[in-house]
């Protein structure tokens, strides 16, 4: 007998009660078991690309909190590594890689040997998950990955990438086209390996003005969605163009994504309006989860009151913060599951 998956059903357009729940960066530094695992792995990339470790990191928050979704433990810059960019992660300093100047510096197709451990991780997790838990794959949006690759890090607020968008958009078009095709292939391979749905994280979409947002965020996302749905027509795709503001609506209606993830700057009135296009995911402020107490209770109550009744996935407006107390996450689960 097939066991229902509330998160997957919601992403497919059903209104489920209670709202399904998972958290961005739910496998991470706020968990003591993750910190121990990171020490064993010896480094972040080693953790991401060793299936035994990555599968364990993916499963840890499911064991502890029973979330409705397990998201692959990986990183958005794994695709850059597979395109021959040497990515390095240093503790406390974020990622760094050689600055990219043109599309010809990227492989025409991703190196499958680099990405194979990711798909092995998904297969391992699939067999270990509770049958009601949805397995999520993910990748970075082409603009966001391009921004890191062009600037070589995130320390400059992507000044080089933003300048390229304004001064030489054709060069950026070529880079993003190559990244779009590689990202689509990567997400399709994740689905083939067992993912039930995927999310596209365009974390720095909000840096772009409207015309550039349409060119470098909406158009490539539509290209990716079209390619995925040609192979997996019924698989839900979640889009997250963080800090898109008034452009969330255009993104949702023009990219073809099945569900929209929103950040904490989106008002509940705007979120309700966006729900007319399809399932919404979000958008508790991660700082409120750190604060906890009555502040957390009120915020969760307001979100549930405003957005339940239509397809809605409870999540944060961005990734969970490392200093988040475990007791606050436990309280959040209680609240969403009916403990108000």
C-alpha atoms as a PDB file:
ATOM      1  CA  UNK A   1       0.000   0.000   0.000  1.00  0.00           C
ATOM      2  CA  UNK A   2       1.303   3.461  -0.920  1.00  0.00           C
ATOM      3  CA  UNK A   3       1.901   5.712   2.111  1.00  0.00           C
ATOM      4  CA  UNK A   4       0.776   9.347   1.619  1.00  0.00           C
ATOM      5  CA  UNK A   5       3.480  12.013   1.535  1.00  0.00           C
ATOM      6  CA  UNK A   6       1.914  15.259   2.825  1.00  0.00           C
ATOM      7  CA  UNK A   7       4.682  17.525   1.515  1.00  0.00           C
ATOM      8  CA  UNK A   8       4.651  16.007  -1.952  1.00  0.00           C
ATOM      9  CA  UNK A   9       0.845  16.189  -2.071  1.00  0.00           C
ATOM     10  CA  UNK A  10       0.941  19.868  -1.120  1.00  0.00           C
ATOM     11  CA  UNK A  11       3.525  20.666  -3.783  1.00  0.00           C
ATOM     12  CA  UNK A  12       1.226  18.930  -6.268  1.00  0.00           C
ATOM     13  CA  UNK A  13      -1.592  21.307  -5.345  1.00  0.00           C
ATOM     14  CA  UNK A  14      -3.479  19.635  -2.481  1.00  0.00           C
ATOM     15  CA  UNK A  15      -4.368  21.503   0.689  1.00  0.00           C
ATOM     16  CA  UNK A  16      -3.243  19.280   3.567  1.00  0.00           C
ATOM     17  CA  UNK A  17      -3.777  19.695   7.307  1.00  0.00           C
ATOM     18  CA  UNK A  18      -1.686  20.200   9.281  1.00  0.00           C
ATOM     19  CA  UNK A  19       0.611  22.068   6.910  1.00  0.00           C
ATOM     20  CA  UNK A  20       3.710  20.020   6.012  1.00  0.00           C
ATOM     21  CA  UNK A  21       6.936  21.311   7.505  1.00  0.00           C
ATOM     22  CA  UNK A  22      10.621  21.348   6.673  1.00  0.00           C
ATOM     23  CA  UNK A  23      13.337  23.977   7.154  1.00  0.00           C
ATOM     24  CA  UNK A  24      15.976  25.283   4.797  1.00  0.00           C
ATOM     25  CA  UNK A  25      19.453  24.326   6.107  1.00  0.00           C
ATOM     26  CA  UNK A  26      17.766  21.936   8.532  1.00  0.00           C
ATOM     27  CA  UNK A  27      20.866  19.737   8.312  1.00  0.00           C
ATOM     28  CA  UNK A  28      23.548  22.013   9.682  1.00  0.00           C
ATOM     29  CA  UNK A  29      25.534  23.642  12.437  1.00  0.00           C
ATOM     30  CA  UNK A  30      22.710  24.063  14.954  1.00  0.00           C
ATOM     31  CA  UNK A  31      22.685  20.255  15.404  1.00  0.00           C
ATOM     32  CA  UNK A  32      25.358  18.801  17.720  1.00  0.00           C
ATOM     33  CA  UNK A  33      25.319  15.540  15.757  1.00  0.00           C
ATOM     34  CA  UNK A  34      26.073  17.483  12.574  1.00  0.00           C
ATOM     35  CA  UNK A  35      29.053  19.214  14.154  1.00  0.00           C
ATOM     36  CA  UNK A  36      30.445  15.839  15.171  1.00  0.00           C
ATOM     37  CA  UNK A  37      29.909  14.508  11.663  1.00  0.00           C
ATOM     38  CA  UNK A  38      31.651  17.528  10.150  1.00  0.00           C
ATOM     39  CA  UNK A  39      34.708  16.841  12.308  1.00  0.00           C
ATOM     40  CA  UNK A  40      34.773  13.218  11.149  1.00  0.00           C
ATOM     41  CA  UNK A  41      34.525  14.262   7.504  1.00  0.00           C
ATOM     42  CA  UNK A  42      37.464  16.660   7.785  1.00  0.00           C
ATOM     43  CA  UNK A  43      36.002  19.401   5.573  1.00  0.00           C
ATOM     44  CA  UNK A  44      32.803  20.700   4.032  1.00  0.00           C
ATOM     45  CA  UNK A  45      33.406  19.419   0.498  1.00  0.00           C
ATOM     46  CA  UNK A  46      34.437  16.042   1.870  1.00  0.00           C
ATOM     47  CA  UNK A  47      31.168  15.978   3.795  1.00  0.00           C
ATOM     48  CA  UNK A  48      29.145  16.863   0.696  1.00  0.00           C
ATOM     49  CA  UNK A  49      30.878  14.408  -1.637  1.00  0.00           C
ATOM     50  CA  UNK A  50      31.174  11.365   0.639  1.00  0.00           C
ATOM     51  CA  UNK A  51      27.800   9.585   0.351  1.00  0.00           C
ATOM     52  CA  UNK A  52      28.047   7.969   3.789  1.00  0.00           C
ATOM     53  CA  UNK A  53      28.506  11.367   5.450  1.00  0.00           C
ATOM     54  CA  UNK A  54      26.106  13.324   3.226  1.00  0.00           C
ATOM     55  CA  UNK A  55      23.345  10.754   3.685  1.00  0.00           C
ATOM     56  CA  UNK A  56      23.807  10.847   7.457  1.00  0.00           C
ATOM     57  CA  UNK A  57      23.634  14.668   7.457  1.00  0.00           C
ATOM     58  CA  UNK A  58      20.437  14.540   5.381  1.00  0.00           C
ATOM     59  CA  UNK A  59      18.806  12.079   7.756  1.00  0.00           C
ATOM     60  CA  UNK A  60      19.798  13.679  11.083  1.00  0.00           C
ATOM     61  CA  UNK A  61      17.014  16.315  11.248  1.00  0.00           C
ATOM     62  CA  UNK A  62      14.430  13.746  10.166  1.00  0.00           C
ATOM     63  CA  UNK A  63      15.368  11.465  13.042  1.00  0.00           C
ATOM     64  CA  UNK A  64      15.369  14.320  15.553  1.00  0.00           C
ATOM     65  CA  UNK A  65      12.312  16.345  14.461  1.00  0.00           C
ATOM     66  CA  UNK A  66      10.315  14.200  12.022  1.00  0.00           C
ATOM     67  CA  UNK A  67      10.092  16.868   9.328  1.00  0.00           C
ATOM     68  CA  UNK A  68       7.904  16.091   6.319  1.00  0.00           C
ATOM     69  CA  UNK A  69      10.761  16.769   3.900  1.00  0.00           C
ATOM     70  CA  UNK A  70      14.396  15.671   3.815  1.00  0.00           C
ATOM     71  CA  UNK A  71      16.574  17.853   1.619  1.00  0.00           C
ATOM     72  CA  UNK A  72      19.778  16.524   0.102  1.00  0.00           C
ATOM     73  CA  UNK A  73      22.893  17.623   1.967  1.00  0.00           C
ATOM     74  CA  UNK A  74      25.029  19.280  -0.696  1.00  0.00           C
ATOM     75  CA  UNK A  75      25.938  22.786  -1.873  1.00  0.00           C
ATOM     76  CA  UNK A  76      24.920  24.997  -4.776  1.00  0.00           C
ATOM     77  CA  UNK A  77      28.562  25.320  -5.918  1.00  0.00           C
ATOM     78  CA  UNK A  78      28.985  21.581  -6.493  1.00  0.00           C
ATOM     79  CA  UNK A  79      27.788  22.259 -10.049  1.00  0.00           C
ATOM     80  CA  UNK A  80      30.574  24.843 -10.490  1.00  0.00           C
ATOM     81  CA  UNK A  81      33.089  22.230  -9.367  1.00  0.00           C
ATOM     82  CA  UNK A  82      31.644  19.820 -11.927  1.00  0.00           C
ATOM     83  CA  UNK A  83      32.215  22.478 -14.587  1.00  0.00           C
ATOM     84  CA  UNK A  84      35.942  22.642 -13.781  1.00  0.00           C
ATOM     85  CA  UNK A  85      35.923  25.522 -11.293  1.00  0.00           C
ATOM     86  CA  UNK A  86      38.153  24.783  -8.305  1.00  0.00           C
ATOM     87  CA  UNK A  87      35.877  25.449  -5.323  1.00  0.00           C
ATOM     88  CA  UNK A  88      37.374  25.782  -1.841  1.00  0.00           C
ATOM     89  CA  UNK A  89      35.458  26.162   1.435  1.00  0.00           C
ATOM     90  CA  UNK A  90      37.275  27.707   4.389  1.00  0.00           C
ATOM     91  CA  UNK A  91      35.682  27.775   7.837  1.00  0.00           C
ATOM     92  CA  UNK A  92      34.393  31.241   8.636  1.00  0.00           C
ATOM     93  CA  UNK A  93      35.215  32.596   5.178  1.00  0.00           C
ATOM     94  CA  UNK A  94      32.698  30.914   2.862  1.00  0.00           C
ATOM     95  CA  UNK A  95      33.436  29.558  -0.608  1.00  0.00           C
ATOM     96  CA  UNK A  96      36.124  30.821  -2.956  1.00  0.00           C
ATOM     97  CA  UNK A  97      36.980  29.892  -6.532  1.00  0.00           C
ATOM     98  CA  UNK A  98      38.951  31.358  -9.450  1.00  0.00           C
ATOM     99  CA  UNK A  99      37.148  34.363 -10.906  1.00  0.00           C
ATOM    100  CA  UNK A 100      35.290  33.432 -14.100  1.00  0.00           C
ATOM    101  CA  UNK A 101      35.468  35.747 -17.123  1.00  0.00           C
ATOM    102  CA  UNK A 102      33.597  33.832 -19.821  1.00  0.00           C
ATOM    103  CA  UNK A 103      31.545  30.765 -20.668  1.00  0.00           C
ATOM    104  CA  UNK A 104      34.456  29.134 -22.505  1.00  0.00           C
ATOM    105  CA  UNK A 105      36.144  28.571 -19.123  1.00  0.00           C
ATOM    106  CA  UNK A 106      33.328  26.176 -18.172  1.00  0.00           C
ATOM    107  CA  UNK A 107      33.001  22.617 -19.374  1.00  0.00           C
ATOM    108  CA  UNK A 108      30.273  22.157 -21.982  1.00  0.00           C
ATOM    109  CA  UNK A 109      28.783  19.444 -19.751  1.00  0.00           C
ATOM    110  CA  UNK A 110      29.280  18.717 -16.056  1.00  0.00           C
ATOM    111  CA  UNK A 111      31.806  16.098 -15.016  1.00  0.00           C
ATOM    112  CA  UNK A 112      29.696  13.102 -14.004  1.00  0.00           C
ATOM    113  CA  UNK A 113      32.495  11.739 -11.811  1.00  0.00           C
ATOM    114  CA  UNK A 114      32.278  14.850  -9.620  1.00  0.00           C
ATOM    115  CA  UNK A 115      28.501  14.600  -9.307  1.00  0.00           C
ATOM    116  CA  UNK A 116      28.155  10.810  -8.963  1.00  0.00           C
ATOM    117  CA  UNK A 117      28.493  10.888  -5.134  1.00  0.00           C
ATOM    118  CA  UNK A 118      25.512  13.259  -4.964  1.00  0.00           C
ATOM    119  CA  UNK A 119      23.289  10.751  -6.717  1.00  0.00           C
ATOM    120  CA  UNK A 120      24.606   7.908  -4.586  1.00  0.00           C
ATOM    121  CA  UNK A 121      23.701   9.959  -1.509  1.00  0.00           C
ATOM    122  CA  UNK A 122      20.132  10.377  -2.740  1.00  0.00           C
ATOM    123  CA  UNK A 123      19.797   6.660  -3.368  1.00  0.00           C
ATOM    124  CA  UNK A 124      21.081   5.879   0.139  1.00  0.00           C
ATOM    125  CA  UNK A 125      18.737   8.377   1.766  1.00  0.00           C
ATOM    126  CA  UNK A 126      15.745   7.142  -0.234  1.00  0.00           C
ATOM    127  CA  UNK A 127      16.040   3.668   1.236  1.00  0.00           C
ATOM    128  CA  UNK A 128      16.434   4.973   4.799  1.00  0.00           C
ATOM    129  CA  UNK A 129      13.640   7.573   4.935  1.00  0.00           C
ATOM    130  CA  UNK A 130      10.239   6.955   6.501  1.00  0.00           C
ATOM    131  CA  UNK A 131       7.823   6.251   3.638  1.00  0.00           C
ATOM    132  CA  UNK A 132       5.783   9.406   4.376  1.00  0.00           C
ATOM    133  CA  UNK A 133       8.812  11.725   4.049  1.00  0.00           C
ATOM    134  CA  UNK A 134       9.380  13.584   0.795  1.00  0.00           C
ATOM    135  CA  UNK A 135      12.966  13.586  -0.517  1.00  0.00           C
ATOM    136  CA  UNK A 136      14.016  16.928  -1.991  1.00  0.00           C
ATOM    137  CA  UNK A 137      16.911  17.546  -4.353  1.00  0.00           C
ATOM    138  CA  UNK A 138      18.171  21.024  -5.141  1.00  0.00           C
ATOM    139  CA  UNK A 139      20.508  23.249  -7.105  1.00  0.00           C
ATOM    140  CA  UNK A 140      21.435  26.898  -7.178  1.00  0.00           C
ATOM    141  CA  UNK A 141      19.860  29.267  -9.646  1.00  0.00           C
ATOM    142  CA  UNK A 142      22.158  30.066 -12.583  1.00  0.00           C
ATOM    143  CA  UNK A 143      22.416  33.765 -11.669  1.00  0.00           C
ATOM    144  CA  UNK A 144      23.443  32.976  -8.091  1.00  0.00           C
ATOM    145  CA  UNK A 145      26.031  30.369  -9.122  1.00  0.00           C
ATOM    146  CA  UNK A 146      27.320  32.728 -11.830  1.00  0.00           C
ATOM    147  CA  UNK A 147      27.658  35.542  -9.281  1.00  0.00           C
ATOM    148  CA  UNK A 148      29.894  33.422  -7.041  1.00  0.00           C
ATOM    149  CA  UNK A 149      31.911  32.178 -10.018  1.00  0.00           C
ATOM    150  CA  UNK A 150      32.445  35.638 -11.557  1.00  0.00           C
ATOM    151  CA  UNK A 151      33.438  37.349  -8.311  1.00  0.00           C
ATOM    152  CA  UNK A 152      35.299  34.368  -6.912  1.00  0.00           C
ATOM    153  CA  UNK A 153      33.485  34.640  -3.563  1.00  0.00           C
ATOM    154  CA  UNK A 154      30.559  36.356  -1.882  1.00  0.00           C
ATOM    155  CA  UNK A 155      32.673  38.868   0.009  1.00  0.00           C
ATOM    156  CA  UNK A 156      32.236  41.695  -2.532  1.00  0.00           C
ATOM    157  CA  UNK A 157      28.425  41.606  -2.763  1.00  0.00           C
ATOM    158  CA  UNK A 158      29.030  40.356  -6.312  1.00  0.00           C
ATOM    159  CA  UNK A 159      30.189  43.687  -7.687  1.00  0.00           C
ATOM    160  CA  UNK A 160      31.860  42.091 -10.735  1.00  0.00           C
ATOM    161  CA  UNK A 161      28.820  40.009 -11.632  1.00  0.00           C
ATOM    162  CA  UNK A 162      26.488  42.970 -11.301  1.00  0.00           C
ATOM    163  CA  UNK A 163      28.809  45.109 -13.422  1.00  0.00           C
ATOM    164  CA  UNK A 164      28.904  42.388 -16.085  1.00  0.00           C
ATOM    165  CA  UNK A 165      25.102  42.271 -16.105  1.00  0.00           C
ATOM    166  CA  UNK A 166      25.004  45.979 -16.910  1.00  0.00           C
ATOM    167  CA  UNK A 167      28.078  46.438 -19.120  1.00  0.00           C
ATOM    168  CA  UNK A 168      28.377  43.140 -20.998  1.00  0.00           C
ATOM    169  CA  UNK A 169      25.117  41.249 -20.678  1.00  0.00           C
ATOM    170  CA  UNK A 170      25.888  39.016 -23.664  1.00  0.00           C
ATOM    171  CA  UNK A 171      28.834  37.497 -21.825  1.00  0.00           C
ATOM    172  CA  UNK A 172      26.651  36.881 -18.791  1.00  0.00           C
ATOM    173  CA  UNK A 173      23.960  35.368 -21.049  1.00  0.00           C
ATOM    174  CA  UNK A 174      26.483  32.830 -22.329  1.00  0.00           C
ATOM    175  CA  UNK A 175      27.673  31.924 -18.818  1.00  0.00           C
ATOM    176  CA  UNK A 176      24.127  31.556 -17.546  1.00  0.00           C
ATOM    177  CA  UNK A 177      23.063  29.478 -20.547  1.00  0.00           C
ATOM    178  CA  UNK A 178      25.824  26.970 -19.844  1.00  0.00           C
ATOM    179  CA  UNK A 179      24.969  26.929 -16.143  1.00  0.00           C
ATOM    180  CA  UNK A 180      21.264  26.520 -16.928  1.00  0.00           C
ATOM    181  CA  UNK A 181      21.813  23.435 -19.044  1.00  0.00           C
ATOM    182  CA  UNK A 182      24.191  21.930 -16.476  1.00  0.00           C
ATOM    183  CA  UNK A 183      21.740  22.666 -13.662  1.00  0.00           C
ATOM    184  CA  UNK A 184      18.840  21.084 -15.526  1.00  0.00           C
ATOM    185  CA  UNK A 185      20.915  17.943 -16.162  1.00  0.00           C
ATOM    186  CA  UNK A 186      21.970  17.852 -12.490  1.00  0.00           C
ATOM    187  CA  UNK A 187      18.389  18.133 -11.231  1.00  0.00           C
ATOM    188  CA  UNK A 188      17.126  15.519 -13.680  1.00  0.00           C
ATOM    189  CA  UNK A 189      19.852  13.155 -12.437  1.00  0.00           C
ATOM    190  CA  UNK A 190      18.780  13.837  -8.845  1.00  0.00           C
ATOM    191  CA  UNK A 191      15.211  12.892  -9.746  1.00  0.00           C
ATOM    192  CA  UNK A 192      16.451   9.761 -11.478  1.00  0.00           C
ATOM    193  CA  UNK A 193      18.323   8.887  -8.272  1.00  0.00           C
ATOM    194  CA  UNK A 194      15.202   9.071  -6.124  1.00  0.00           C
ATOM    195  CA  UNK A 195      14.309  12.704  -5.341  1.00  0.00           C
ATOM    196  CA  UNK A 196      10.551  13.303  -5.229  1.00  0.00           C
ATOM    197  CA  UNK A 197      10.809  17.037  -5.947  1.00  0.00           C
ATOM    198  CA  UNK A 198      13.509  19.685  -6.367  1.00  0.00           C
ATOM    199  CA  UNK A 199      14.109  23.275  -5.301  1.00  0.00           C
ATOM    200  CA  UNK A 200      16.025  25.962  -7.198  1.00  0.00           C
ATOM    201  CA  UNK A 201      17.751  28.378  -4.810  1.00  0.00           C
ATOM    202  CA  UNK A 202      18.397  31.754  -6.466  1.00  0.00           C
ATOM    203  CA  UNK A 203      19.662  33.271  -3.245  1.00  0.00           C
ATOM    204  CA  UNK A 204      20.929  36.518  -4.783  1.00  0.00           C
ATOM    205  CA  UNK A 205      18.075  37.174  -7.217  1.00  0.00           C
ATOM    206  CA  UNK A 206      17.080  40.251  -5.215  1.00  0.00           C
ATOM    207  CA  UNK A 207      20.270  42.074  -6.215  1.00  0.00           C
ATOM    208  CA  UNK A 208      19.043  42.574  -9.777  1.00  0.00           C
ATOM    209  CA  UNK A 209      16.792  45.383 -11.065  1.00  0.00           C
ATOM    210  CA  UNK A 210      13.566  44.279 -12.810  1.00  0.00           C
ATOM    211  CA  UNK A 211      14.842  44.097 -16.397  1.00  0.00           C
ATOM    212  CA  UNK A 212      17.926  42.120 -15.380  1.00  0.00           C
ATOM    213  CA  UNK A 213      15.845  39.944 -13.062  1.00  0.00           C
ATOM    214  CA  UNK A 214      13.683  38.901 -15.998  1.00  0.00           C
ATOM    215  CA  UNK A 215      16.716  38.222 -18.200  1.00  0.00           C
ATOM    216  CA  UNK A 216      19.044  36.499 -15.735  1.00  0.00           C
ATOM    217  CA  UNK A 217      16.597  34.890 -13.269  1.00  0.00           C
ATOM    218  CA  UNK A 218      13.205  34.303 -14.879  1.00  0.00           C
ATOM    219  CA  UNK A 219      14.378  33.275 -18.371  1.00  0.00           C
ATOM    220  CA  UNK A 220      17.030  30.729 -17.253  1.00  0.00           C
ATOM    221  CA  UNK A 221      14.707  29.295 -14.607  1.00  0.00           C
ATOM    222  CA  UNK A 222      12.065  28.782 -17.288  1.00  0.00           C
ATOM    223  CA  UNK A 223      14.703  27.013 -19.408  1.00  0.00           C
ATOM    224  CA  UNK A 224      15.537  24.672 -16.510  1.00  0.00           C
ATOM    225  CA  UNK A 225      11.895  23.973 -15.647  1.00  0.00           C
ATOM    226  CA  UNK A 226      11.061  23.214 -19.281  1.00  0.00           C
ATOM    227  CA  UNK A 227      13.948  20.738 -19.524  1.00  0.00           C
ATOM    228  CA  UNK A 228      13.012  18.980 -16.277  1.00  0.00           C
ATOM    229  CA  UNK A 229       9.333  18.720 -17.104  1.00  0.00           C
ATOM    230  CA  UNK A 230      10.153  17.274 -20.511  1.00  0.00           C
ATOM    231  CA  UNK A 231      11.684  14.305 -18.649  1.00  0.00           C
ATOM    232  CA  UNK A 232       9.622  14.338 -15.439  1.00  0.00           C
ATOM    233  CA  UNK A 233       6.344  16.094 -16.258  1.00  0.00           C
ATOM    234  CA  UNK A 234       4.621  15.464 -12.924  1.00  0.00           C
ATOM    235  CA  UNK A 235       7.519  16.234 -10.583  1.00  0.00           C
ATOM    236  CA  UNK A 236       7.076  19.422  -8.520  1.00  0.00           C
ATOM    237  CA  UNK A 237       9.706  22.142  -8.807  1.00  0.00           C
ATOM    238  CA  UNK A 238       9.986  24.794  -6.081  1.00  0.00           C
ATOM    239  CA  UNK A 239      11.488  28.141  -7.023  1.00  0.00           C
ATOM    240  CA  UNK A 240      13.120  30.456  -4.484  1.00  0.00           C
ATOM    241  CA  UNK A 241      14.204  33.844  -5.893  1.00  0.00           C
ATOM    242  CA  UNK A 242      15.113  35.312  -2.508  1.00  0.00           C
ATOM    243  CA  UNK A 243      14.300  38.982  -1.917  1.00  0.00           C
ATOM    244  CA  UNK A 244      12.434  39.245  -5.230  1.00  0.00           C
ATOM    245  CA  UNK A 245       9.893  41.625  -3.677  1.00  0.00           C
ATOM    246  CA  UNK A 246       7.218  42.648  -6.171  1.00  0.00           C
ATOM    247  CA  UNK A 247       8.832  40.378  -8.787  1.00  0.00           C
ATOM    248  CA  UNK A 248       7.778  37.190  -6.991  1.00  0.00           C
ATOM    249  CA  UNK A 249       4.511  37.297  -8.912  1.00  0.00           C
ATOM    250  CA  UNK A 250       6.204  37.453 -12.326  1.00  0.00           C
ATOM    251  CA  UNK A 251       8.640  34.725 -11.325  1.00  0.00           C
ATOM    252  CA  UNK A 252       5.819  32.404 -10.248  1.00  0.00           C
ATOM    253  CA  UNK A 253       3.683  32.931 -13.334  1.00  0.00           C
ATOM    254  CA  UNK A 254       6.446  33.079 -15.956  1.00  0.00           C
ATOM    255  CA  UNK A 255       8.960  30.397 -14.965  1.00  0.00           C
ATOM    256  CA  UNK A 256       6.629  27.399 -14.799  1.00  0.00           C
ATOM    257  CA  UNK A 257       7.674  26.391 -11.279  1.00  0.00           C
ATOM    258  CA  UNK A 258       5.001  24.426  -9.429  1.00  0.00           C
ATOM    259  CA  UNK A 259       5.517  26.061  -6.038  1.00  0.00           C
ATOM    260  CA  UNK A 260       7.040  29.290  -4.775  1.00  0.00           C
ATOM    261  CA  UNK A 261       9.261  29.703  -1.721  1.00  0.00           C
ATOM    262  CA  UNK A 262       9.124  33.207  -0.225  1.00  0.00           C
ATOM    263  CA  UNK A 263      11.440  35.045   2.160  1.00  0.00           C
ATOM    264  CA  UNK A 264      10.483  36.772   5.393  1.00  0.00           C
ATOM    265  CA  UNK A 265      10.166  40.230   3.785  1.00  0.00           C
ATOM    266  CA  UNK A 266       6.979  39.119   2.010  1.00  0.00           C
ATOM    267  CA  UNK A 267       3.872  40.305   3.838  1.00  0.00           C
ATOM    268  CA  UNK A 268       1.120  37.821   4.573  1.00  0.00           C
ATOM    269  CA  UNK A 269      -1.195  39.823   2.310  1.00  0.00           C
ATOM    270  CA  UNK A 270       1.259  39.471  -0.583  1.00  0.00           C
ATOM    271  CA  UNK A 271       1.720  35.792   0.246  1.00  0.00           C
ATOM    272  CA  UNK A 272      -2.049  35.207   0.099  1.00  0.00           C
ATOM    273  CA  UNK A 273      -2.153  36.890  -3.304  1.00  0.00           C
ATOM    274  CA  UNK A 274       0.691  34.685  -4.541  1.00  0.00           C
ATOM    275  CA  UNK A 275      -1.238  31.611  -3.407  1.00  0.00           C
ATOM    276  CA  UNK A 276      -3.711  32.211  -6.217  1.00  0.00           C
ATOM    277  CA  UNK A 277      -1.008  30.936  -8.592  1.00  0.00           C
ATOM    278  CA  UNK A 278      -0.194  27.733  -6.686  1.00  0.00           C
ATOM    279  CA  UNK A 279       1.450  26.313  -3.559  1.00  0.00           C
ATOM    280  CA  UNK A 280       3.468  28.674  -1.357  1.00  0.00           C
ATOM    281  CA  UNK A 281       6.350  27.761   0.958  1.00  0.00           C
ATOM    282  CA  UNK A 282       7.670  29.954   3.761  1.00  0.00           C
ATOM    283  CA  UNK A 283       8.227  32.315   5.469  1.00  0.00           C
ATOM    284  CA  UNK A 284       9.038  32.553   9.175  1.00  0.00           C
ATOM    285  CA  UNK A 285      11.956  34.870   9.907  1.00  0.00           C
ATOM    286  CA  UNK A 286      14.898  32.677  11.039  1.00  0.00           C
ATOM    287  CA  UNK A 287      15.712  35.292  13.692  1.00  0.00           C
ATOM    288  CA  UNK A 288      12.293  34.737  15.273  1.00  0.00           C
ATOM    289  CA  UNK A 289      13.070  31.040  15.560  1.00  0.00           C
ATOM    290  CA  UNK A 290      16.225  32.019  17.457  1.00  0.00           C
ATOM    291  CA  UNK A 291      14.211  34.325  19.746  1.00  0.00           C
ATOM    292  CA  UNK A 292      11.542  31.741  20.554  1.00  0.00           C
ATOM    293  CA  UNK A 293       8.956  32.216  23.301  1.00  0.00           C
ATOM    294  CA  UNK A 294       5.779  34.202  22.771  1.00  0.00           C
ATOM    295  CA  UNK A 295       7.304  35.955  19.752  1.00  0.00           C
ATOM    296  CA  UNK A 296       7.666  32.626  17.976  1.00  0.00           C
ATOM    297  CA  UNK A 297       4.186  31.491  18.985  1.00  0.00           C
ATOM    298  CA  UNK A 298       2.555  34.659  17.636  1.00  0.00           C
ATOM    299  CA  UNK A 299       4.469  34.598  14.359  1.00  0.00           C
ATOM    300  CA  UNK A 300       3.682  30.956  13.651  1.00  0.00           C
ATOM    301  CA  UNK A 301       0.019  31.486  14.534  1.00  0.00           C
ATOM    302  CA  UNK A 302      -0.232  34.457  12.150  1.00  0.00           C
ATOM    303  CA  UNK A 303       1.349  32.558   9.250  1.00  0.00           C
ATOM    304  CA  UNK A 304      -0.862  29.508   9.727  1.00  0.00           C
ATOM    305  CA  UNK A 305      -3.999  31.616  10.040  1.00  0.00           C
ATOM    306  CA  UNK A 306      -3.205  33.541   6.876  1.00  0.00           C
ATOM    307  CA  UNK A 307      -1.930  30.807   4.576  1.00  0.00           C
ATOM    308  CA  UNK A 308      -3.533  27.512   5.563  1.00  0.00           C
ATOM    309  CA  UNK A 309      -6.656  26.574   3.627  1.00  0.00           C
ATOM    310  CA  UNK A 310      -4.750  26.668   0.349  1.00  0.00           C
ATOM    311  CA  UNK A 311      -1.701  24.544  -0.523  1.00  0.00           C
ATOM    312  CA  UNK A 312       0.980  25.733   1.895  1.00  0.00           C
ATOM    313  CA  UNK A 313       4.301  24.368   3.164  1.00  0.00           C
ATOM    314  CA  UNK A 314       5.601  25.810   6.429  1.00  0.00           C
ATOM    315  CA  UNK A 315       9.267  26.804   6.221  1.00  0.00           C
ATOM    316  CA  UNK A 316      11.596  29.653   7.075  1.00  0.00           C
ATOM    317  CA  UNK A 317      12.205  32.704   4.930  1.00  0.00           C
ATOM    318  CA  UNK A 318      15.851  31.635   4.642  1.00  0.00           C
ATOM    319  CA  UNK A 319      18.143  29.034   6.183  1.00  0.00           C
ATOM    320  CA  UNK A 320      18.033  28.140   9.869  1.00  0.00           C
ATOM    321  CA  UNK A 321      20.683  30.072  11.821  1.00  0.00           C
ATOM    322  CA  UNK A 322      23.517  28.162  13.549  1.00  0.00           C
ATOM    323  CA  UNK A 323      22.683  29.668  16.961  1.00  0.00           C
ATOM    324  CA  UNK A 324      19.069  28.399  16.885  1.00  0.00           C
ATOM    325  CA  UNK A 325      18.200  26.507  20.107  1.00  0.00           C
ATOM    326  CA  UNK A 326      16.981  22.965  19.537  1.00  0.00           C
ATOM    327  CA  UNK A 327      14.091  23.564  21.944  1.00  0.00           C
ATOM    328  CA  UNK A 328      12.799  26.328  19.681  1.00  0.00           C
ATOM    329  CA  UNK A 329      12.739  23.982  16.699  1.00  0.00           C
ATOM    330  CA  UNK A 330      10.889  21.424  18.802  1.00  0.00           C
ATOM    331  CA  UNK A 331       8.349  24.107  19.750  1.00  0.00           C
ATOM    332  CA  UNK A 332       7.943  25.088  16.101  1.00  0.00           C
ATOM    333  CA  UNK A 333       7.142  21.512  15.153  1.00  0.00           C
ATOM    334  CA  UNK A 334       4.593  21.344  17.974  1.00  0.00           C
ATOM    335  CA  UNK A 335       2.943  24.581  16.862  1.00  0.00           C
ATOM    336  CA  UNK A 336       2.689  23.658  13.187  1.00  0.00           C
ATOM    337  CA  UNK A 337       1.448  20.159  13.986  1.00  0.00           C
ATOM    338  CA  UNK A 338      -1.445  21.507  16.043  1.00  0.00           C
ATOM    339  CA  UNK A 339      -0.100  22.603  19.405  1.00  0.00           C
ATOM    340  CA  UNK A 340      -1.274  26.226  19.240  1.00  0.00           C
END
